[in-house]
Amino acid sequence: MPLKTCSIAATLLLLAPLAACNSPQPTDNAVMANVEASLVATPSPTPTPSTTPVAKDDTPPHSAAKQCYFEVDGKTLLDGRCQVYPMGDGGYTLNTWSAGKPAQSHFAVVTTRPDGKADATWNADPDDDRAGDLLGTVTRKDGCWVNQRTRICAR
């Protein structure tokens, strides 16, 4: 009997230490035959493709002018109309530069999570075109995403 088969059988059945496999007892032969037979691959069911049609929306998302409010560490950075770009599932980029760089050029990105919370980032440097500065985890309160550092609203 090959050592590999013996090792698998000893492990699966918790029979005897590996050393005992080198000299099987007459009663072990029937057990080993059953184990070897159970190790033969059995075919798994073939997945059935779904026939349910899925509506595909090819319309690209676009920004819209909304009433915005953006505060970081007690300082109001934006309070007025701004462009908001939806990112799906409630997330968005507030004060996008889609129509050119705005006068108040700080912006925030809110990325929603499955647990109902979101992660927020922003551009601490108003000339930076990436939101690489962390604001932390935010929760929805009164239509805004908030935590101790920030309040991000788009209505």
Protein backbone atom coordinates (compact mmCIF):
# COMPACT_ATOMS: atom_id res chain seq x y z
CA MET A 1 0.00 0.00 0.00
CA PRO A 2 1.46 3.41 -0.91
CA LEU A 3 2.51 5.60 2.01
CA LYS A 4 0.38 8.54 0.72
CA THR A 5 -2.83 6.50 0.76
CA CYS A 6 -1.96 5.17 4.17
CA SER A 7 -1.32 8.70 5.50
CA ILE A 8 -4.67 9.94 4.20
CA ALA A 9 -6.48 6.97 5.71
CA ALA A 10 -4.78 7.39 9.08
CA THR A 11 -5.61 11.08 9.11
CA LEU A 12 -9.21 10.70 7.98
CA LEU A 13 -10.11 7.82 10.21
CA LEU A 14 -7.88 8.70 13.13
CA LEU A 15 -6.91 5.04 13.25
CA ALA A 16 -3.35 4.73 14.33
CA PRO A 17 -0.16 6.75 14.13
CA LEU A 18 1.48 7.01 10.73
CA ALA A 19 4.07 4.42 11.74
CA ALA A 20 1.34 1.79 12.09
CA CYS A 21 0.51 2.19 8.40
CA ASN A 22 3.80 0.65 7.38
CA SER A 23 2.60 -2.74 8.60
CA PRO A 24 -1.18 -2.93 8.23
CA GLN A 25 -3.10 -5.52 10.19
CA PRO A 26 -5.39 -7.92 8.33
CA THR A 27 -8.47 -6.01 9.59
CA ASP A 28 -7.09 -2.74 8.16
CA ASN A 29 -7.31 -3.98 4.54
CA ALA A 30 -11.12 -3.74 4.37
CA VAL A 31 -11.07 -0.30 6.01
CA MET A 32 -8.38 0.88 3.62
CA ALA A 33 -10.34 -0.37 0.61
CA ASN A 34 -13.38 1.63 1.76
CA VAL A 35 -11.26 4.74 2.29
CA GLU A 36 -9.62 4.39 -1.12
CA ALA A 37 -13.04 3.96 -2.75
CA SER A 38 -14.35 7.09 -1.00
CA LEU A 39 -11.35 9.09 -2.27
CA VAL A 40 -12.36 8.52 -5.89
CA ALA A 41 -13.59 11.82 -7.33
CA THR A 42 -17.33 12.10 -7.72
CA PRO A 43 -18.71 14.50 -10.27
CA SER A 44 -20.14 17.71 -8.87
CA PRO A 45 -23.39 19.16 -10.18
CA THR A 46 -23.14 21.41 -13.20
CA PRO A 47 -24.27 24.99 -12.47
CA THR A 48 -27.34 26.06 -14.38
CA PRO A 49 -27.06 29.48 -16.00
CA SER A 50 -29.71 31.98 -14.97
CA THR A 51 -32.32 32.79 -17.58
CA THR A 52 -33.52 35.89 -15.73
CA PRO A 53 -32.83 38.95 -17.88
CA VAL A 54 -30.77 41.66 -16.21
CA ALA A 55 -31.49 45.22 -17.21
CA LYS A 56 -28.31 47.00 -18.13
CA ASP A 57 -28.16 50.74 -17.79
CA ASP A 58 -25.68 52.08 -20.31
CA THR A 59 -26.43 55.67 -19.37
CA PRO A 60 -23.26 57.11 -17.89
CA PRO A 61 -23.76 58.75 -14.51
CA HIS A 62 -23.54 62.51 -14.58
CA SER A 63 -23.07 65.21 -12.01
CA ALA A 64 -25.93 67.40 -10.88
CA ALA A 65 -26.08 70.76 -9.14
CA LYS A 66 -27.23 70.36 -5.54
CA GLN A 67 -27.23 72.30 -2.32
CA CYS A 68 -23.95 71.34 -0.62
CA TYR A 69 -22.37 71.72 2.75
CA PHE A 70 -18.84 70.56 3.61
CA GLU A 71 -17.17 71.08 6.96
CA VAL A 72 -13.85 69.71 8.24
CA ASP A 73 -12.54 70.15 11.79
CA GLY A 74 -15.07 72.90 12.54
CA LYS A 75 -14.24 74.95 9.42
CA THR A 76 -16.92 75.40 6.74
CA LEU A 77 -15.30 74.83 3.35
CA LEU A 78 -18.43 74.88 1.21
CA ASP A 79 -21.96 76.11 1.81
CA GLY A 80 -23.94 76.55 -1.39
CA ARG A 81 -24.59 75.03 -4.81
CA CYS A 82 -22.05 72.55 -6.11
CA GLN A 83 -21.73 69.70 -8.57
CA VAL A 84 -22.30 66.24 -7.07
CA TYR A 85 -21.27 63.11 -8.95
CA PRO A 86 -23.12 59.94 -7.86
CA MET A 87 -21.02 56.83 -7.37
CA GLY A 88 -23.84 54.33 -6.75
CA ASP A 89 -25.31 52.89 -3.56
CA GLY A 90 -25.51 56.35 -1.98
CA GLY A 91 -21.85 57.29 -2.42
CA TYR A 92 -20.79 60.42 -4.28
CA THR A 93 -18.14 63.01 -4.95
CA LEU A 94 -19.15 66.37 -3.52
CA ASN A 95 -18.04 69.53 -5.36
CA THR A 96 -16.68 67.77 -8.43
CA TRP A 97 -14.54 69.57 -10.92
CA SER A 98 -16.58 68.21 -13.85
CA ALA A 99 -17.38 71.75 -15.00
CA GLY A 100 -13.89 73.08 -14.28
CA LYS A 101 -12.21 73.94 -11.00
CA PRO A 102 -14.73 75.66 -8.69
CA ALA A 103 -13.91 78.76 -6.64
CA GLN A 104 -14.09 76.70 -3.44
CA SER A 105 -12.06 73.80 -4.69
CA HIS A 106 -12.11 71.45 -1.70
CA PHE A 107 -14.04 68.31 -2.46
CA ALA A 108 -14.99 65.12 -0.66
CA VAL A 109 -15.55 61.53 -1.74
CA VAL A 110 -18.02 59.37 0.18
CA THR A 111 -17.76 55.63 -0.52
CA THR A 112 -20.56 53.57 1.01
CA ARG A 113 -20.03 50.18 2.65
CA PRO A 114 -22.37 47.20 3.02
CA ASP A 115 -22.78 47.88 6.76
CA GLY A 116 -24.58 51.19 6.08
CA LYS A 117 -21.59 53.34 6.96
CA ALA A 118 -19.22 55.06 4.53
CA ASP A 119 -15.58 56.04 4.20
CA ALA A 120 -14.85 59.70 3.50
CA THR A 121 -11.78 61.31 1.97
CA TRP A 122 -11.02 64.83 0.74
CA ASN A 123 -8.36 67.08 -0.74
CA ALA A 124 -6.85 68.98 2.19
CA ASP A 125 -4.83 71.00 -0.32
CA PRO A 126 -7.39 72.85 -2.49
CA ASP A 127 -5.05 72.60 -5.49
CA ASP A 128 -4.81 68.80 -5.20
CA ASP A 129 -7.06 67.04 -7.71
CA ARG A 130 -7.20 63.80 -5.69
CA ALA A 131 -9.12 63.10 -2.49
CA GLY A 132 -6.23 61.35 -0.75
CA ASP A 133 -6.69 62.72 2.76
CA LEU A 134 -8.73 60.54 5.12
CA LEU A 135 -11.71 61.86 7.03
CA GLY A 136 -12.59 58.44 8.44
CA THR A 137 -15.76 56.42 8.75
CA VAL A 138 -18.95 58.47 8.50
CA THR A 139 -22.56 57.64 9.27
CA ARG A 140 -25.77 59.03 7.82
CA LYS A 141 -27.46 61.65 10.01
CA ASP A 142 -30.17 64.10 8.91
CA GLY A 143 -29.33 63.51 5.23
CA CYS A 144 -25.59 64.13 5.71
CA TRP A 145 -22.54 61.93 6.22
CA VAL A 146 -20.96 62.85 9.56
CA ASN A 147 -18.36 61.96 12.16
CA GLN A 148 -16.42 63.98 14.76
CA ARG A 149 -14.26 65.61 12.06
CA THR A 150 -16.62 66.26 9.18
CA ARG A 151 -20.11 66.93 7.88
CA ILE A 152 -20.75 66.25 4.18
CA CYS A 153 -24.17 67.10 2.75
CA ALA A 154 -25.65 67.09 -0.75
CA ARG A 155 -29.39 67.80 -1.10
